[in-house]
Amino acid sequence: MSVKWGRLPEVPLITVRFPGQKYGQEKEKEKEKIKEKEKDSKEKEKDKKTVNGHTFSSIPIVGPISCTHCLKPFTNKDAYTCANCSAFVHKGCRESLASCAKVKMKVRHL
């Protein structure tokens, strides 16, 4: 029996890439961002409260604004505004504010 020694035929190399640690970290960061956005939107929905026809939601303070009920300026992040009549009130003043005029008008027209 004789053995021939020689070159093997050229075979193309196939490269296979597996997602590395960097790719996995980027996906995790994206998932965390989505979860944070969902959490923020749930908190905003939770902050919305209807009192005396007003639909209040919390807002950031921009500029010198005074409370519609007590006329005191806002010092902290406790400002709320009505989606119907645009009244600005403190968190504690929401219960004391008179009924929403815009809601009363809508009810009368119906």
C-alpha atoms as a PDB file:
ATOM      1  CA  MET A   1       0.000   0.000   0.000  1.00  0.00           C
ATOM      2  CA  SER A   2       1.356   3.357  -0.936  1.00  0.00           C
ATOM      3  CA  VAL A   3       0.514   6.692   0.613  1.00  0.00           C
ATOM      4  CA  LYS A   4       0.588   9.877  -1.414  1.00  0.00           C
ATOM      5  CA  TRP A   5       1.608  12.948   0.420  1.00  0.00           C
ATOM      6  CA  GLY A   6       0.532  16.199  -1.016  1.00  0.00           C
ATOM      7  CA  ARG A   7      -1.483  19.335  -0.561  1.00  0.00           C
ATOM      8  CA  LEU A   8      -5.069  19.245   0.452  1.00  0.00           C
ATOM      9  CA  PRO A   9      -7.496  21.034  -1.832  1.00  0.00           C
ATOM     10  CA  GLU A  10      -8.278  24.606  -0.818  1.00  0.00           C
ATOM     11  CA  VAL A  11     -11.410  24.808   1.276  1.00  0.00           C
ATOM     12  CA  PRO A  12     -13.076  28.189   1.895  1.00  0.00           C
ATOM     13  CA  LEU A  13     -13.222  29.208   5.509  1.00  0.00           C
ATOM     14  CA  ILE A  14     -16.568  29.933   7.057  1.00  0.00           C
ATOM     15  CA  THR A  15     -16.667  32.491   9.813  1.00  0.00           C
ATOM     16  CA  VAL A  16     -19.394  32.288  12.395  1.00  0.00           C
ATOM     17  CA  ARG A  17     -20.042  35.231  14.683  1.00  0.00           C
ATOM     18  CA  PHE A  18     -21.714  34.849  18.006  1.00  0.00           C
ATOM     19  CA  PRO A  19     -23.225  37.839  19.779  1.00  0.00           C
ATOM     20  CA  GLY A  20     -20.603  38.936  22.208  1.00  0.00           C
ATOM     21  CA  GLN A  21     -20.868  40.547  25.586  1.00  0.00           C
ATOM     22  CA  LYS A  22     -21.080  44.032  24.070  1.00  0.00           C
ATOM     23  CA  TYR A  23     -24.129  43.119  21.957  1.00  0.00           C
ATOM     24  CA  GLY A  24     -25.877  41.563  24.967  1.00  0.00           C
ATOM     25  CA  GLN A  25     -25.206  44.631  27.107  1.00  0.00           C
ATOM     26  CA  GLU A  26     -26.743  46.927  24.479  1.00  0.00           C
ATOM     27  CA  LYS A  27     -29.897  44.810  24.374  1.00  0.00           C
ATOM     28  CA  GLU A  28     -30.137  44.878  28.171  1.00  0.00           C
ATOM     29  CA  LYS A  29     -29.790  48.676  28.207  1.00  0.00           C
ATOM     30  CA  GLU A  30     -32.581  48.986  25.626  1.00  0.00           C
ATOM     31  CA  LYS A  31     -34.836  46.761  27.730  1.00  0.00           C
ATOM     32  CA  GLU A  32     -34.098  48.827  30.845  1.00  0.00           C
ATOM     33  CA  LYS A  33     -34.952  52.070  29.013  1.00  0.00           C
ATOM     34  CA  ILE A  34     -38.275  50.618  27.848  1.00  0.00           C
ATOM     35  CA  LYS A  35     -39.089  49.480  31.387  1.00  0.00           C
ATOM     36  CA  GLU A  36     -38.265  52.951  32.771  1.00  0.00           C
ATOM     37  CA  LYS A  37     -40.534  54.637  30.209  1.00  0.00           C
ATOM     38  CA  GLU A  38     -43.380  52.275  31.067  1.00  0.00           C
ATOM     39  CA  LYS A  39     -42.836  52.909  34.771  1.00  0.00           C
ATOM     40  CA  ASP A  40     -42.849  56.694  34.239  1.00  0.00           C
ATOM     41  CA  SER A  41     -46.065  56.552  32.220  1.00  0.00           C
ATOM     42  CA  LYS A  42     -47.719  54.415  34.920  1.00  0.00           C
ATOM     43  CA  GLU A  43     -46.652  56.923  37.580  1.00  0.00           C
ATOM     44  CA  LYS A  44     -48.089  59.797  35.546  1.00  0.00           C
ATOM     45  CA  GLU A  45     -51.389  57.955  35.167  1.00  0.00           C
ATOM     46  CA  LYS A  46     -51.332  57.291  38.907  1.00  0.00           C
ATOM     47  CA  ASP A  47     -50.792  61.020  39.606  1.00  0.00           C
ATOM     48  CA  LYS A  48     -53.900  61.947  37.623  1.00  0.00           C
ATOM     49  CA  LYS A  49     -56.781  62.549  39.962  1.00  0.00           C
ATOM     50  CA  THR A  50     -60.313  63.800  39.394  1.00  0.00           C
ATOM     51  CA  VAL A  51     -61.733  66.094  42.076  1.00  0.00           C
ATOM     52  CA  ASN A  52     -64.846  68.280  41.699  1.00  0.00           C
ATOM     53  CA  GLY A  53     -64.779  67.823  37.928  1.00  0.00           C
ATOM     54  CA  HIS A  54     -61.105  68.803  37.654  1.00  0.00           C
ATOM     55  CA  THR A  55     -58.728  66.283  36.099  1.00  0.00           C
ATOM     56  CA  PHE A  56     -55.421  67.023  37.800  1.00  0.00           C
ATOM     57  CA  SER A  57     -51.997  65.861  36.698  1.00  0.00           C
ATOM     58  CA  SER A  58     -48.611  66.830  38.109  1.00  0.00           C
ATOM     59  CA  ILE A  59     -46.429  69.259  36.163  1.00  0.00           C
ATOM     60  CA  PRO A  60     -42.906  70.639  36.502  1.00  0.00           C
ATOM     61  CA  ILE A  61     -42.675  74.247  37.678  1.00  0.00           C
ATOM     62  CA  VAL A  62     -41.546  76.645  34.960  1.00  0.00           C
ATOM     63  CA  GLY A  63     -41.439  80.309  35.821  1.00  0.00           C
ATOM     64  CA  PRO A  64     -43.243  82.229  38.543  1.00  0.00           C
ATOM     65  CA  ILE A  65     -46.684  80.646  38.879  1.00  0.00           C
ATOM     66  CA  SER A  66     -49.099  81.088  41.768  1.00  0.00           C
ATOM     67  CA  CYS A  67     -51.710  78.665  43.049  1.00  0.00           C
ATOM     68  CA  THR A  68     -55.223  79.367  41.740  1.00  0.00           C
ATOM     69  CA  HIS A  69     -56.726  78.530  45.145  1.00  0.00           C
ATOM     70  CA  CYS A  70     -54.398  79.993  47.796  1.00  0.00           C
ATOM     71  CA  LEU A  71     -52.442  82.422  45.553  1.00  0.00           C
ATOM     72  CA  LYS A  72     -49.106  81.319  47.073  1.00  0.00           C
ATOM     73  CA  PRO A  73     -46.169  80.657  44.721  1.00  0.00           C
ATOM     74  CA  PHE A  74     -44.971  77.121  44.047  1.00  0.00           C
ATOM     75  CA  THR A  75     -41.738  76.217  45.812  1.00  0.00           C
ATOM     76  CA  ASN A  76     -41.433  72.454  45.306  1.00  0.00           C
ATOM     77  CA  LYS A  77     -42.476  69.965  42.665  1.00  0.00           C
ATOM     78  CA  ASP A  78     -46.011  69.788  44.017  1.00  0.00           C
ATOM     79  CA  ALA A  79     -47.789  71.674  41.229  1.00  0.00           C
ATOM     80  CA  TYR A  80     -50.860  70.200  39.577  1.00  0.00           C
ATOM     81  CA  THR A  81     -52.898  71.480  36.661  1.00  0.00           C
ATOM     82  CA  CYS A  82     -56.422  70.730  35.474  1.00  0.00           C
ATOM     83  CA  ALA A  83     -56.658  69.391  31.931  1.00  0.00           C
ATOM     84  CA  ASN A  84     -60.066  71.046  31.495  1.00  0.00           C
ATOM     85  CA  CYS A  85     -59.694  74.590  32.870  1.00  0.00           C
ATOM     86  CA  SER A  86     -55.876  74.916  33.207  1.00  0.00           C
ATOM     87  CA  ALA A  87     -56.014  75.796  36.918  1.00  0.00           C
ATOM     88  CA  PHE A  88     -52.663  75.490  38.754  1.00  0.00           C
ATOM     89  CA  VAL A  89     -52.855  74.282  42.371  1.00  0.00           C
ATOM     90  CA  HIS A  90     -50.757  72.778  45.144  1.00  0.00           C
ATOM     91  CA  LYS A  91     -51.239  69.119  45.974  1.00  0.00           C
ATOM     92  CA  GLY A  92     -53.041  70.068  49.195  1.00  0.00           C
ATOM     93  CA  CYS A  93     -55.257  72.644  47.463  1.00  0.00           C
ATOM     94  CA  ARG A  94     -56.790  70.175  44.986  1.00  0.00           C
ATOM     95  CA  GLU A  95     -59.542  69.127  47.395  1.00  0.00           C
ATOM     96  CA  SER A  96     -60.462  72.732  48.280  1.00  0.00           C
ATOM     97  CA  LEU A  97     -60.741  74.114  44.751  1.00  0.00           C
ATOM     98  CA  ALA A  98     -64.265  74.955  43.526  1.00  0.00           C
ATOM     99  CA  SER A  99     -65.913  72.796  40.870  1.00  0.00           C
ATOM    100  CA  CYS A 100     -64.452  72.951  37.386  1.00  0.00           C
ATOM    101  CA  ALA A 101     -66.280  75.572  35.312  1.00  0.00           C
ATOM    102  CA  LYS A 102     -65.429  73.917  31.976  1.00  0.00           C
ATOM    103  CA  VAL A 103     -67.005  70.611  33.025  1.00  0.00           C
ATOM    104  CA  LYS A 104     -70.165  72.409  34.187  1.00  0.00           C
ATOM    105  CA  MET A 105     -70.445  74.084  30.782  1.00  0.00           C
ATOM    106  CA  LYS A 106     -70.069  70.751  28.944  1.00  0.00           C
ATOM    107  CA  VAL A 107     -72.791  69.151  31.074  1.00  0.00           C
ATOM    108  CA  ARG A 108     -75.257  72.017  30.423  1.00  0.00           C
ATOM    109  CA  HIS A 109     -74.784  71.809  26.643  1.00  0.00           C
ATOM    110  CA  LEU A 110     -75.557  68.086  26.575  1.00  0.00           C
END
